[in-house]
Amino acid sequence: PEITGMESEEKFEGYEERKLFTHNLSHTSFAYYGFLKKYEYIWQSAADDEIRCLVLSAMRESGEAIVKKHGFTEDGQSAHETDLLKRFANRELGDTVFRVGRDPARKLGYNDRFIGAARLCKEYNIEPVNICMAAAAGMFFSHPADPSSGRIWEIMGRGGAGEVSARVCGAEPGSQIASLLESGYEEVRRRFNV
């Protein structure tokens, strides 16, 4: 139909995966890293050079896989990433770390933004080191108003990051993704002193 401002696309699955594995992945990564630095807003996290570098690295891993799978141009994907970074840095949005980060048990799930992107990377021989590190940062997310984060902490208390990797993320013990999640967890602990 003729709708002003609407653009039709042939590659709908590609745009859907790009939304989940670029936009949602990076937005939530800013939340999880921002939580570790005790930021209240996403714009604070996006203004932090260390966090911005970590998030951009994860975006680039997933972006490379998305380009290979769906035929987007590298320049187009890069422009999309740059646009997202500008949007996340917008103070006027008032987006909170809690709102974006809540429900980590779902967001760390097998088909969701982090593990779904990591699995896509594996299909194209891209090692999802930074994606798994961002996911591991989500294991530390905690808020009294978020029962999902409490569930992760319970699992963590029983079996550590490996147990969360298996039970929440669905990563096969001993797999590359499980290994990267566990090493990412240790790197997050070291880097952010948690």
Protein backbone atom coordinates (compact mmCIF):
# COMPACT_ATOMS: atom_id res chain seq x y z
CA PRO A 1 0.00 0.00 0.00
CA GLU A 2 1.00 3.62 -0.53
CA ILE A 3 1.80 4.92 2.95
CA THR A 4 3.76 8.13 3.33
CA GLY A 5 7.16 7.46 4.85
CA MET A 6 6.92 3.67 4.60
CA GLU A 7 9.66 1.87 2.72
CA SER A 8 9.01 -1.70 1.64
CA GLU A 9 11.89 -4.17 1.84
CA GLU A 10 12.48 -7.53 0.25
CA LYS A 11 14.92 -8.71 2.93
CA PHE A 12 12.56 -8.54 5.91
CA GLU A 13 14.33 -11.35 7.79
CA GLY A 14 17.59 -9.48 7.37
CA TYR A 15 16.15 -6.29 8.86
CA GLU A 16 14.58 -8.28 11.69
CA GLU A 17 17.91 -9.95 12.53
CA ARG A 18 19.76 -6.65 12.21
CA LYS A 19 17.30 -5.10 14.69
CA LEU A 20 17.82 -7.92 17.20
CA PHE A 21 21.54 -8.56 16.69
CA THR A 22 22.73 -4.99 16.15
CA HIS A 23 20.26 -2.58 17.77
CA ASN A 24 18.99 -4.69 20.67
CA LEU A 25 22.37 -6.30 21.32
CA SER A 26 24.20 -2.97 21.52
CA HIS A 27 21.45 -1.18 23.48
CA THR A 28 21.42 -3.92 26.12
CA SER A 29 25.23 -4.07 26.16
CA PHE A 30 25.29 -0.38 27.08
CA ALA A 31 22.87 -1.19 29.90
CA TYR A 32 24.89 -4.10 31.30
CA TYR A 33 28.24 -2.33 31.14
CA GLY A 34 26.64 0.86 32.45
CA PHE A 35 25.23 -1.07 35.40
CA LEU A 36 28.73 -2.22 36.29
CA LYS A 37 29.87 1.42 36.38
CA LYS A 38 26.77 2.45 38.35
CA TYR A 39 25.32 4.66 35.61
CA GLU A 40 21.62 5.47 35.70
CA TYR A 41 21.12 6.37 32.03
CA ILE A 42 22.10 4.79 28.73
CA TRP A 43 23.51 8.11 27.50
CA GLN A 44 26.03 8.03 30.39
CA SER A 45 27.13 4.58 29.32
CA ALA A 46 27.33 5.65 25.66
CA ALA A 47 29.53 8.61 26.66
CA ASP A 48 32.03 6.31 28.42
CA ASP A 49 34.92 5.60 26.03
CA GLU A 50 35.74 2.17 27.49
CA ILE A 51 32.14 0.99 27.26
CA ARG A 52 31.63 2.49 23.81
CA CYS A 53 34.68 0.60 22.52
CA LEU A 54 33.43 -2.71 24.00
CA VAL A 55 29.94 -2.26 22.56
CA LEU A 56 31.23 -1.24 19.14
CA SER A 57 33.44 -4.35 19.07
CA ALA A 58 30.40 -6.56 19.74
CA MET A 59 28.37 -4.67 17.11
CA ARG A 60 31.08 -5.24 14.54
CA GLU A 61 31.18 -8.97 15.18
CA SER A 62 27.44 -9.35 14.71
CA GLY A 63 27.45 -6.82 11.86
CA GLU A 64 30.02 -8.83 9.93
CA ALA A 65 27.82 -11.94 10.20
CA ILE A 66 24.68 -10.01 9.23
CA VAL A 67 26.41 -8.60 6.14
CA LYS A 68 27.54 -12.08 5.11
CA LYS A 69 24.15 -13.69 5.66
CA HIS A 70 21.81 -11.03 4.32
CA GLY A 71 23.90 -9.20 1.73
CA PHE A 72 23.80 -5.76 3.35
CA THR A 73 26.74 -3.62 2.29
CA GLU A 74 29.56 -3.10 4.77
CA ASP A 75 29.14 0.67 4.39
CA GLY A 76 25.40 0.40 5.03
CA GLN A 77 25.93 -1.70 8.16
CA SER A 78 28.63 0.67 9.40
CA ALA A 79 26.33 3.67 8.84
CA HIS A 80 23.58 1.87 10.76
CA GLU A 81 25.95 1.23 13.68
CA THR A 82 27.08 4.88 13.71
CA ASP A 83 23.46 6.06 13.71
CA LEU A 84 22.64 3.76 16.65
CA LEU A 85 25.59 5.04 18.66
CA LYS A 86 24.37 8.63 18.14
CA ARG A 87 20.84 7.68 19.18
CA PHE A 88 21.97 5.89 22.33
CA ALA A 89 24.01 8.96 23.33
CA ASN A 90 20.93 11.23 23.15
CA ARG A 91 20.29 12.54 26.67
CA GLU A 92 16.79 13.66 25.73
CA LEU A 93 15.60 10.06 25.46
CA GLY A 94 16.10 9.56 29.21
CA ASP A 95 16.45 5.80 28.68
CA THR A 96 17.49 4.15 31.93
CA VAL A 97 19.96 1.32 32.43
CA PHE A 98 17.27 -0.52 34.41
CA ARG A 99 14.62 -0.31 31.67
CA VAL A 100 16.97 -1.48 28.95
CA GLY A 101 18.72 -4.13 31.04
CA ARG A 102 15.78 -5.69 32.88
CA ASP A 103 14.82 -9.31 32.30
CA PRO A 104 18.34 -10.58 31.64
CA ALA A 105 17.22 -14.22 31.78
CA ARG A 106 15.23 -13.62 28.57
CA LYS A 107 17.84 -11.39 26.94
CA LEU A 108 20.60 -13.94 27.56
CA GLY A 109 18.43 -16.73 26.10
CA TYR A 110 19.47 -19.07 23.32
CA ASN A 111 17.60 -17.31 20.49
CA ASP A 112 17.79 -13.75 21.78
CA ARG A 113 20.16 -10.85 21.10
CA PHE A 114 23.45 -12.16 22.55
CA ILE A 115 23.50 -15.91 22.09
CA GLY A 116 21.53 -15.67 18.83
CA ALA A 117 24.14 -13.24 17.50
CA ALA A 118 26.99 -15.42 18.78
CA ARG A 119 25.49 -18.45 17.04
CA LEU A 120 25.09 -16.46 13.81
CA CYS A 121 28.75 -15.44 14.04
CA LYS A 122 29.79 -19.07 14.42
CA GLU A 123 27.94 -19.94 11.20
CA TYR A 124 30.25 -17.53 9.36
CA ASN A 125 33.48 -18.44 11.22
CA ILE A 126 33.52 -15.22 13.24
CA GLU A 127 34.63 -15.65 16.83
CA PRO A 128 32.04 -13.82 19.01
CA VAL A 129 34.46 -12.84 21.79
CA ASN A 130 33.00 -9.37 22.42
CA ILE A 131 29.38 -10.51 22.09
CA CYS A 132 29.98 -13.19 24.72
CA MET A 133 31.74 -10.72 26.99
CA ALA A 134 28.74 -8.36 26.78
CA ALA A 135 26.45 -11.31 27.56
CA ALA A 136 28.65 -12.18 30.54
CA ALA A 137 28.28 -8.59 31.77
CA GLY A 138 24.53 -9.28 31.81
CA MET A 139 25.12 -12.06 34.35
CA PHE A 140 26.05 -9.34 36.86
CA PHE A 141 22.91 -7.25 36.28
CA SER A 142 20.83 -7.07 39.43
CA HIS A 143 17.88 -4.99 40.57
CA PRO A 144 15.40 -5.64 43.39
CA ALA A 145 12.48 -4.85 41.06
CA ASP A 146 13.64 -7.44 38.52
CA PRO A 147 12.94 -11.08 39.48
CA SER A 148 14.72 -12.27 36.33
CA SER A 149 18.06 -10.97 37.57
CA GLY A 150 17.43 -12.65 40.93
CA ARG A 151 16.96 -15.95 39.11
CA ILE A 152 20.35 -15.56 37.42
CA TRP A 153 22.02 -14.82 40.75
CA GLU A 154 20.46 -17.96 42.26
CA ILE A 155 21.82 -20.08 39.40
CA MET A 156 25.19 -18.31 39.68
CA GLY A 157 25.33 -19.08 43.38
CA ARG A 158 24.79 -22.78 42.72
CA GLY A 159 27.14 -23.31 39.81
CA GLY A 160 28.88 -20.12 38.71
CA ALA A 161 29.06 -18.69 35.21
CA GLY A 162 29.19 -22.15 33.65
CA GLU A 163 25.80 -23.01 35.12
CA VAL A 164 24.28 -19.72 33.86
CA SER A 165 25.85 -20.36 30.48
CA ALA A 166 24.17 -23.77 30.27
CA ARG A 167 20.82 -23.14 31.99
CA VAL A 168 20.06 -19.57 30.91
CA CYS A 169 22.01 -19.15 27.66
CA GLY A 170 21.54 -22.71 26.44
CA ALA A 171 25.24 -23.04 25.59
CA GLU A 172 26.41 -26.64 25.39
CA PRO A 173 29.05 -27.23 28.11
CA GLY A 174 32.49 -27.32 26.52
CA SER A 175 31.30 -25.54 23.35
CA GLN A 176 33.05 -22.48 21.95
CA ILE A 177 30.21 -20.21 23.08
CA ALA A 178 30.20 -21.67 26.62
CA SER A 179 33.95 -21.20 26.78
CA LEU A 180 33.73 -17.60 25.56
CA LEU A 181 30.95 -16.81 28.05
CA GLU A 182 33.03 -18.14 30.91
CA SER A 183 36.19 -16.32 29.85
CA GLY A 184 34.08 -13.20 29.21
CA TYR A 185 32.73 -13.47 32.73
CA GLU A 186 36.26 -13.56 34.15
CA GLU A 187 37.31 -10.61 31.96
CA VAL A 188 34.30 -8.57 33.14
CA ARG A 189 35.17 -9.37 36.77
CA ARG A 190 38.76 -8.28 36.23
CA ARG A 191 38.04 -5.18 34.18
CA PHE A 192 35.15 -3.84 36.28
CA ASN A 193 36.37 -5.07 39.69
CA VAL A 194 33.21 -7.04 40.50
